[in-house]
Amino acid sequence: MKTSMMNWLLASLLSAMVTSSFAGDWPQRLGIGNDGISTETNWIHHRPKEGPRVVWKTAVGTGFSSITVADGRACTMGNSGNVETVYCFNAKDGSTAWKFSYDEPLAPTMYEGGPNSTPTIDPRAVTVVSRSGKLFRLDAATGKQLWRVDLRGYVGSENGKWGVGGSPLYMDNRLFVNYGAAVVALDPASGKPIWESAKEAKADTSFNTPVSWRMGGMRMIFVLMKEALFALSPDDGRVLWRHAYGSGFKTHCSDALVTPAGLFISSGDDGGELLAVDATRAERLWKNKNLSTFTGSPVLVGGHLFGVNAAGYKKRQQELRCIELTKGDVKWALPGFGQDSLIAAGGRLIVLKENGELLVASASPERAEVLGRAQVLGGKCWTQPALSDGLLYCRNAKGDLVCLDLRPTH
């Protein structure tokens, strides 16, 4: 598969060039490229002992929805009193631009409950999916409902005890949503479903967000279902190929990660593996348990993967690790981590630990180096932070949301 790997490299470089033109916005889960990477470099981690300045803070209700930011708006979701609310704030000062609510059970099951999905902001609207599969398209400026689709009714099945975990993907004027056993494509203008992918027979719950990939004129969507990685045609939902993957709980909280060397997938129960892929198949390049990510997706910086290895999570003995991408070897491991999440920007890792401590580390394969740390939240923090225009947005499970100033001139 040498030819396809070269094409993959060229496609990845092109994608990176396109992504860099969107510096500042964080419009979907894990940022503009669905990879946890911000193109911002002009932010600082050297702060007083008390940590970065709080620009604003608010409460949004129970949930694990992350924050998305675009065109000066910051959006997230939460549940209070079995009512789920989509919040849109003015990103700079935290004032409420609008909010949109609907009935939705909190449904705590092994954790606090509430929405798992993150709003997706595109040039025209904000798209959200509720825990039970209600899909709403809202006007970005006013929050007015443009349309609603009940995914449970359309797909014809329940989604499992933890509800919808993935977030909507907006690509080429289409919306793609992972609901339980299938991926659904919809027309953003009308909400009309365009196709539903073939259901995985044993699917129950997958927290995966669909990830897009282009190679020349070829496009694919990758999504981890309960027992397999699927490559789908975005045009009609055809399954281009299926790669068996999954063990244990099989919820797959970490999204697939497109890299110059191949596609990386990881799960807390099944380990990580790098795949060379083309339009017809996937070929395993390596597989091990050196980076078995759980609630937080890994990031790729300079040919190395960084993430929290889930091995030992029952005893809270996880490690922040650096893994060489092409071989899967451990370069370093830093103990003292848990159900943490991270993003990367400017050659540094921004880690929000599950206890609300914010940690900045160097994204270097040479050695583990902590550059700064501060307690910025309390409670349980499983949700990845978001960085936009020098402001870092963090939240916890009960819905405390804080906006922190990382700008060098403030």
Protein backbone atom coordinates (compact mmCIF):
# COMPACT_ATOMS: atom_id res chain seq x y z
CA MET A 1 0.00 0.00 0.00
CA LYS A 2 2.98 2.34 -0.56
CA THR A 3 1.16 4.39 -3.22
CA SER A 4 -1.89 4.94 -1.05
CA MET A 5 0.34 5.93 1.87
CA MET A 6 2.04 8.60 -0.27
CA ASN A 7 -1.38 9.86 -1.34
CA TRP A 8 -2.42 9.87 2.30
CA LEU A 9 0.59 12.02 3.20
CA LEU A 10 -0.13 14.54 0.44
CA ALA A 11 -3.81 14.69 1.42
CA SER A 12 -2.93 15.24 5.06
CA LEU A 13 -0.52 18.06 4.22
CA LEU A 14 -3.20 19.72 2.06
CA SER A 15 -5.71 19.35 4.87
CA ALA A 16 -3.30 21.02 7.30
CA MET A 17 -2.81 23.95 4.91
CA VAL A 18 -6.58 24.42 4.66
CA THR A 19 -7.05 24.13 8.42
CA SER A 20 -4.47 26.82 9.19
CA SER A 21 -6.62 29.46 7.48
CA PHE A 22 -9.23 29.11 10.25
CA ALA A 23 -6.98 30.19 13.15
CA GLY A 24 -9.01 31.46 16.10
CA ASP A 25 -12.24 29.48 15.74
CA TRP A 26 -13.00 26.16 17.42
CA PRO A 27 -16.33 25.38 15.70
CA GLN A 28 -16.76 21.66 16.38
CA ARG A 29 -15.70 18.94 18.77
CA LEU A 30 -11.89 18.82 18.94
CA GLY A 31 -11.53 21.94 16.80
CA ILE A 32 -11.60 22.79 13.12
CA GLY A 33 -9.78 19.60 12.09
CA ASN A 34 -11.46 17.19 14.56
CA ASP A 35 -7.93 16.51 15.83
CA GLY A 36 -7.61 18.51 19.04
CA ILE A 37 -5.07 20.89 17.48
CA SER A 38 -5.30 24.67 17.61
CA THR A 39 -3.19 26.72 15.21
CA GLU A 40 -2.80 29.44 17.85
CA THR A 41 0.75 30.03 19.05
CA ASN A 42 0.56 33.42 20.77
CA TRP A 43 -0.62 32.28 24.19
CA ILE A 44 1.31 32.00 27.44
CA HIS A 45 1.44 29.41 30.19
CA HIS A 46 3.62 31.32 32.68
CA ARG A 47 1.13 32.67 35.19
CA PRO A 48 1.05 33.55 38.90
CA LYS A 49 0.55 30.69 41.36
CA GLU A 50 -3.20 31.33 41.41
CA GLY A 51 -3.36 30.55 37.69
CA PRO A 52 -4.74 32.39 34.65
CA ARG A 53 -7.17 35.27 35.04
CA VAL A 54 -10.85 34.32 34.94
CA VAL A 55 -12.51 36.39 32.20
CA TRP A 56 -16.00 35.09 32.97
CA LYS A 57 -17.77 32.11 34.45
CA THR A 58 -21.30 30.74 34.47
CA ALA A 59 -23.38 27.60 35.09
CA VAL A 60 -24.93 25.57 32.27
CA GLY A 61 -26.33 22.45 33.96
CA THR A 62 -25.20 18.84 34.15
CA GLY A 63 -23.45 17.26 31.19
CA PHE A 64 -20.25 16.52 29.31
CA SER A 65 -20.77 18.70 26.25
CA SER A 66 -17.65 20.62 25.29
CA ILE A 67 -17.50 24.24 24.14
CA THR A 68 -17.39 25.36 20.52
CA VAL A 69 -16.44 28.88 19.46
CA ALA A 70 -16.93 30.72 16.16
CA ASP A 71 -17.71 34.26 15.04
CA GLY A 72 -17.52 35.56 18.60
CA ARG A 73 -20.01 33.01 19.98
CA ALA A 74 -19.34 30.18 22.45
CA CYS A 75 -21.83 27.31 22.61
CA THR A 76 -22.36 24.33 24.91
CA MET A 77 -25.18 22.21 26.42
CA GLY A 78 -26.40 21.15 29.86
CA ASN A 79 -29.36 19.62 31.71
CA SER A 80 -31.29 21.02 34.68
CA GLY A 81 -34.51 19.49 35.96
CA ASN A 82 -34.81 17.11 32.98
CA VAL A 83 -34.66 20.03 30.59
CA GLU A 84 -31.72 20.18 28.20
CA THR A 85 -30.54 23.64 27.14
CA VAL A 86 -28.26 24.84 24.37
CA TYR A 87 -26.42 27.98 25.48
CA CYS A 88 -24.86 30.57 23.19
CA PHE A 89 -22.67 33.14 24.94
CA ASN A 90 -20.76 36.14 23.73
CA ALA A 91 -17.29 34.61 23.80
CA LYS A 92 -15.48 37.67 25.17
CA ASP A 93 -17.67 38.57 28.15
CA GLY A 94 -19.96 35.59 28.80
CA SER A 95 -23.22 37.46 28.33
CA THR A 96 -26.03 35.28 26.98
CA ALA A 97 -26.68 35.74 23.26
CA TRP A 98 -29.49 33.16 23.28
CA LYS A 99 -30.53 29.80 24.69
CA PHE A 100 -32.76 27.01 23.44
CA SER A 101 -34.40 24.36 25.65
CA TYR A 102 -36.35 21.12 25.27
CA ASP A 103 -37.49 18.28 27.53
CA GLU A 104 -34.86 15.56 27.94
CA PRO A 105 -34.29 13.12 30.84
CA LEU A 106 -31.05 13.56 32.77
CA ALA A 107 -30.65 9.74 32.71
CA PRO A 108 -27.64 9.26 35.01
CA THR A 109 -26.09 5.83 34.38
CA MET A 110 -22.71 5.16 36.04
CA TYR A 111 -22.05 8.91 35.80
CA GLU A 112 -23.98 12.18 36.19
CA GLY A 113 -25.91 12.02 32.91
CA GLY A 114 -26.92 14.94 30.72
CA PRO A 115 -25.76 15.67 27.16
CA ASN A 116 -22.56 14.02 25.89
CA SER A 117 -22.61 15.71 22.49
CA THR A 118 -21.01 19.04 21.56
CA PRO A 119 -22.70 21.71 19.38
CA THR A 120 -21.36 22.10 15.84
CA ILE A 121 -21.19 25.62 14.41
CA ASP A 122 -21.12 26.09 10.64
CA PRO A 123 -21.45 29.28 8.57
CA ARG A 124 -25.25 29.31 8.86
CA ALA A 125 -26.35 27.59 12.03
CA VAL A 126 -25.65 25.62 15.19
CA THR A 127 -26.51 21.91 15.09
CA VAL A 128 -26.99 19.88 18.26
CA VAL A 129 -28.08 16.36 19.10
CA SER A 130 -29.68 15.48 22.42
CA ARG A 131 -28.91 12.48 24.60
CA SER A 132 -31.90 10.56 23.19
CA GLY A 133 -31.31 11.51 19.56
CA LYS A 134 -33.29 14.70 18.97
CA LEU A 135 -31.39 16.61 16.29
CA PHE A 136 -31.94 20.37 16.17
CA ARG A 137 -30.72 22.98 13.72
CA LEU A 138 -30.72 26.48 15.22
CA ASP A 139 -30.11 29.88 13.69
CA ALA A 140 -26.60 30.93 14.78
CA ALA A 141 -27.57 34.55 15.48
CA THR A 142 -30.91 34.08 17.25
CA GLY A 143 -31.17 30.43 18.38
CA LYS A 144 -34.47 30.06 16.51
CA GLN A 145 -35.29 26.45 15.60
CA LEU A 146 -34.92 25.88 11.86
CA TRP A 147 -35.84 22.19 11.96
CA ARG A 148 -35.87 19.08 14.14
CA VAL A 149 -35.38 15.38 13.34
CA ASP A 150 -35.98 12.45 15.69
CA LEU A 151 -33.08 10.11 14.93
CA ARG A 152 -34.52 7.35 17.09
CA GLY A 153 -37.66 7.28 14.97
CA TYR A 154 -35.75 7.49 11.69
CA VAL A 155 -33.16 4.81 12.46
CA GLY A 156 -35.76 2.68 14.19
CA SER A 157 -33.82 1.63 17.27
CA GLU A 158 -32.81 2.74 20.74
CA ASN A 159 -29.29 4.05 21.20
CA GLY A 160 -28.27 2.32 24.43
CA LYS A 161 -28.17 3.28 28.09
CA TRP A 162 -25.61 6.10 27.73
CA GLY A 163 -27.37 7.88 24.89
CA VAL A 164 -25.85 9.75 21.96
CA GLY A 165 -22.20 10.55 22.55
CA GLY A 166 -20.90 11.71 19.17
CA SER A 167 -21.28 15.22 17.79
CA PRO A 168 -22.56 16.31 14.35
CA LEU A 169 -20.03 16.57 11.52
CA TYR A 170 -20.59 19.33 8.95
CA MET A 171 -18.87 18.65 5.62
CA ASP A 172 -19.57 19.77 2.05
CA ASN A 173 -22.97 21.18 2.98
CA ARG A 174 -24.13 17.97 4.62
CA LEU A 175 -24.57 16.91 8.23
CA PHE A 176 -23.44 13.49 9.47
CA VAL A 177 -24.50 12.08 12.84
CA ASN A 178 -23.62 8.79 14.53
CA TYR A 179 -26.71 7.30 16.15
CA GLY A 180 -26.21 3.88 17.74
CA ALA A 181 -26.10 1.35 14.95
CA ALA A 182 -25.89 3.73 11.99
CA VAL A 183 -24.59 7.01 10.61
CA VAL A 184 -27.23 9.34 9.16
CA ALA A 185 -26.61 12.05 6.53
CA LEU A 186 -28.97 15.01 6.37
CA ASP A 187 -29.60 18.11 4.27
CA PRO A 188 -28.70 21.14 6.45
CA ALA A 189 -31.28 23.33 4.73
CA SER A 190 -34.32 21.14 5.33
CA GLY A 191 -33.29 18.44 7.81
CA LYS A 192 -34.36 15.81 5.31
CA PRO A 193 -32.39 12.57 5.78
CA ILE A 194 -30.38 11.75 2.65
CA TRP A 195 -29.16 8.30 3.65
CA GLU A 196 -28.70 5.94 6.55
CA SER A 197 -25.67 3.66 6.55
CA ALA A 198 -26.01 -0.08 6.88
CA LYS A 199 -26.52 -0.87 10.56
CA GLU A 200 -23.89 -2.77 12.48
CA ALA A 201 -25.78 -5.81 13.70
CA LYS A 202 -24.34 -5.77 17.21
CA ALA A 203 -24.16 -2.01 17.65
CA ASP A 204 -25.51 -0.47 20.82
CA THR A 205 -23.71 2.68 21.88
CA SER A 206 -20.78 4.45 20.26
CA PHE A 207 -19.57 7.81 21.52
CA ASN A 208 -17.67 8.40 18.28
CA THR A 209 -17.98 11.52 16.16
CA PRO A 210 -17.64 10.85 12.40
CA VAL A 211 -14.30 12.03 10.99
CA SER A 212 -13.80 13.11 7.37
CA TRP A 213 -10.88 12.38 5.06
CA ARG A 214 -10.03 13.37 1.48
CA MET A 215 -7.53 11.93 -0.98
CA GLY A 216 -7.62 13.62 -4.36
CA GLY A 217 -11.22 13.30 -5.50
CA MET A 218 -11.94 10.50 -3.00
CA ARG A 219 -13.74 11.27 0.24
CA MET A 220 -14.49 8.97 3.17
CA ILE A 221 -16.03 9.16 6.61
CA PHE A 222 -14.56 7.09 9.44
CA VAL A 223 -16.52 6.11 12.54
CA LEU A 224 -15.90 3.55 15.27
CA MET A 225 -19.00 1.52 16.00
CA LYS A 226 -19.23 -1.04 18.78
CA GLU A 227 -17.15 -3.78 17.19
CA ALA A 228 -15.62 -2.26 14.06
CA LEU A 229 -14.20 0.79 12.34
CA PHE A 230 -16.29 1.71 9.29
CA ALA A 231 -15.26 3.65 6.20
CA LEU A 232 -18.35 5.15 4.56
CA SER A 233 -19.00 6.99 1.33
CA PRO A 234 -20.36 10.46 2.21
CA ASP A 235 -22.33 10.46 -1.04
CA ASP A 236 -24.61 7.50 -0.35
CA GLY A 237 -23.56 5.84 2.92
CA ARG A 238 -22.07 2.75 1.29
CA VAL A 239 -19.75 0.77 3.55
CA LEU A 240 -16.43 0.92 1.68
CA TRP A 241 -14.80 -1.41 4.17
CA ARG A 242 -15.07 -2.64 7.76
CA HIS A 243 -12.15 -3.26 10.13
CA ALA A 244 -12.94 -5.41 13.18
CA TYR A 245 -12.13 -3.61 16.43
CA GLY A 246 -13.47 -3.64 19.96
CA SER A 247 -13.56 -5.41 23.30
CA GLY A 248 -14.74 -4.69 26.83
CA PHE A 249 -17.38 -1.93 27.03
CA LYS A 250 -16.91 -1.08 23.33
CA THR A 251 -18.16 2.48 23.74
CA HIS A 252 -15.11 3.97 21.98
CA CYS A 253 -15.00 7.50 23.39
CA SER A 254 -11.88 8.50 21.41
CA ASP A 255 -12.46 9.54 17.81
CA ALA A 256 -10.41 8.23 14.90
CA LEU A 257 -7.38 10.44 14.20
CA VAL A 258 -6.17 11.14 10.65
CA THR A 259 -2.34 11.38 10.55
CA PRO A 260 0.29 11.57 7.78
CA ALA A 261 1.28 7.96 8.55
CA GLY A 262 -2.23 6.50 8.58
CA LEU A 263 -5.37 6.36 10.66
CA PHE A 264 -4.95 5.96 14.43
CA ILE A 265 -7.74 4.43 16.51
CA SER A 266 -7.71 3.78 20.24
CA SER A 267 -9.91 2.55 23.05
CA GLY A 268 -9.39 2.09 26.77
CA ASP A 269 -10.23 -1.60 26.49
CA ASP A 270 -8.74 -2.55 23.14
CA GLY A 271 -5.49 -0.58 22.84
CA GLY A 272 -4.32 1.57 19.96
CA GLU A 273 -3.48 0.73 16.37
CA LEU A 274 -2.25 2.51 13.28
CA LEU A 275 -3.86 1.61 9.96
CA ALA A 276 -2.83 2.26 6.38
CA VAL A 277 -6.07 2.76 4.47
CA ASP A 278 -7.33 3.35 0.97
CA ALA A 279 -10.75 3.22 -0.68
CA THR A 280 -11.04 -0.56 -0.42
CA ARG A 281 -9.38 -1.75 2.80
CA ALA A 282 -7.42 -1.07 5.97
CA GLU A 283 -4.09 -2.69 6.75
CA ARG A 284 -2.77 -2.79 10.32
CA LEU A 285 0.73 -1.30 10.66
CA TRP A 286 0.98 -1.88 14.41
CA LYS A 287 -1.19 -2.56 17.44
CA ASN A 288 -0.37 -2.47 21.16
CA LYS A 289 -1.61 -1.09 24.47
CA ASN A 290 0.97 1.66 24.79
CA LEU A 291 -1.72 4.29 24.21
CA SER A 292 -5.20 3.05 25.15
CA THR A 293 -7.14 6.30 25.42
CA PHE A 294 -10.51 6.39 27.16
CA THR A 295 -12.55 9.59 27.65
CA GLY A 296 -9.95 11.88 26.04
CA SER A 297 -8.89 11.66 22.38
CA PRO A 298 -5.13 11.75 21.62
CA VAL A 299 -3.38 14.51 19.66
CA LEU A 300 -0.54 14.35 17.13
CA VAL A 301 2.33 16.84 17.32
CA GLY A 302 5.45 16.52 15.15
CA GLY A 303 5.21 12.81 14.45
CA HIS A 304 4.33 11.81 18.02
CA LEU A 305 1.04 10.94 19.67
CA PHE A 306 0.21 12.37 23.08
CA GLY A 307 -2.59 11.11 25.28
CA VAL A 308 -3.56 9.64 28.63
CA ASN A 309 -3.15 5.87 28.68
CA ALA A 310 -6.19 4.23 30.27
CA ALA A 311 -4.35 1.18 31.63
CA GLY A 312 -4.86 1.18 35.38
CA TYR A 313 -7.91 3.49 35.23
CA LYS A 314 -9.77 1.49 37.89
CA LYS A 315 -6.97 2.36 40.35
CA ARG A 316 -6.49 5.91 38.98
CA GLN A 317 -2.97 5.08 37.84
CA GLN A 318 -3.08 6.44 34.32
CA GLU A 319 -0.10 8.11 32.65
CA LEU A 320 0.30 10.95 30.17
CA ARG A 321 2.32 9.35 27.38
CA CYS A 322 4.26 10.25 24.27
CA ILE A 323 4.18 7.59 21.54
CA GLU A 324 6.22 7.49 18.34
CA LEU A 325 3.60 7.40 15.61
CA THR A 326 5.05 5.04 13.01
CA LYS A 327 6.16 2.28 15.42
CA GLY A 328 4.00 2.75 18.49
CA ASP A 329 6.94 2.90 20.92
CA VAL A 330 6.70 4.78 24.23
CA LYS A 331 9.05 7.79 24.33
CA TRP A 332 8.09 8.87 27.85
CA ALA A 333 5.35 8.40 30.45
CA LEU A 334 4.34 10.81 33.20
CA PRO A 335 2.31 9.34 36.12
CA GLY A 336 -0.44 11.00 38.13
CA PHE A 337 -3.29 11.24 35.63
CA GLY A 338 -6.89 10.00 35.42
CA GLN A 339 -9.92 10.47 33.14
CA ASP A 340 -8.29 13.55 31.68
CA SER A 341 -8.59 15.27 28.31
CA LEU A 342 -6.17 17.36 26.30
CA ILE A 343 -5.64 19.54 23.26
CA ALA A 344 -2.45 20.96 21.74
CA ALA A 345 -1.40 24.40 20.54
CA GLY A 346 1.93 26.04 19.78
CA GLY A 347 4.01 22.94 20.56
CA ARG A 348 2.42 22.56 24.00
CA LEU A 349 -0.19 20.28 25.54
CA ILE A 350 -3.14 21.75 27.44
CA VAL A 351 -4.48 19.08 29.80
CA LEU A 352 -7.65 19.44 31.86
CA LYS A 353 -7.35 16.83 34.58
CA GLU A 354 -10.47 15.15 35.90
CA ASN A 355 -10.10 16.97 39.23
CA GLY A 356 -10.18 20.39 37.52
CA GLU A 357 -6.45 21.05 37.52
CA LEU A 358 -5.15 22.70 34.34
CA LEU A 359 -1.71 21.48 33.30
CA VAL A 360 0.51 22.68 30.44
CA ALA A 361 3.31 20.40 29.23
CA SER A 362 5.81 20.50 26.41
CA ALA A 363 4.79 18.45 23.36
CA SER A 364 8.33 17.18 22.95
CA PRO A 365 9.38 13.54 22.50
CA GLU A 366 12.64 14.17 24.34
CA ARG A 367 11.30 14.31 27.88
CA ALA A 368 8.19 14.99 29.93
CA GLU A 369 8.28 18.62 31.04
CA VAL A 370 5.47 20.30 32.95
CA LEU A 371 5.49 24.03 32.16
CA GLY A 372 2.68 25.18 34.43
CA ARG A 373 -0.31 24.04 36.45
CA ALA A 374 -3.22 25.62 38.33
CA GLN A 375 -6.52 24.54 39.87
CA VAL A 376 -9.22 26.16 37.71
CA LEU A 377 -12.31 24.05 38.50
CA GLY A 378 -13.60 21.54 41.03
CA GLY A 379 -15.80 18.48 40.61
CA LYS A 380 -15.47 15.96 37.79
CA CYS A 381 -13.90 17.20 34.53
CA TRP A 382 -14.07 14.71 31.66
CA THR A 383 -14.71 17.28 28.94
CA GLN A 384 -11.90 18.53 26.71
CA PRO A 385 -11.12 22.28 26.85
CA ALA A 386 -11.37 24.61 23.86
CA LEU A 387 -8.94 27.37 22.84
CA SER A 388 -9.98 30.34 20.71
CA ASP A 389 -8.43 33.83 20.37
CA GLY A 390 -6.27 33.30 23.44
CA LEU A 391 -9.21 32.32 25.64
CA LEU A 392 -9.47 28.82 27.11
CA TYR A 393 -12.91 27.39 27.92
CA CYS A 394 -13.26 24.60 30.51
CA ARG A 395 -16.24 22.96 32.22
CA ASN A 396 -17.07 20.25 34.72
CA ALA A 397 -19.83 17.64 34.93
CA LYS A 398 -22.19 19.71 37.08
CA GLY A 399 -21.99 22.56 34.58
CA ASP A 400 -19.54 25.11 35.97
CA LEU A 401 -18.03 26.80 32.90
CA VAL A 402 -15.01 29.09 33.10
CA CYS A 403 -13.30 31.23 30.46
CA LEU A 404 -9.58 31.76 31.17
CA ASP A 405 -7.26 34.40 29.74
CA LEU A 406 -4.09 32.99 28.10
CA ARG A 407 -3.36 36.11 26.07
CA PRO A 408 0.12 37.60 26.55
CA THR A 409 -1.03 41.23 26.76
CA HIS A 410 -3.65 40.85 29.53
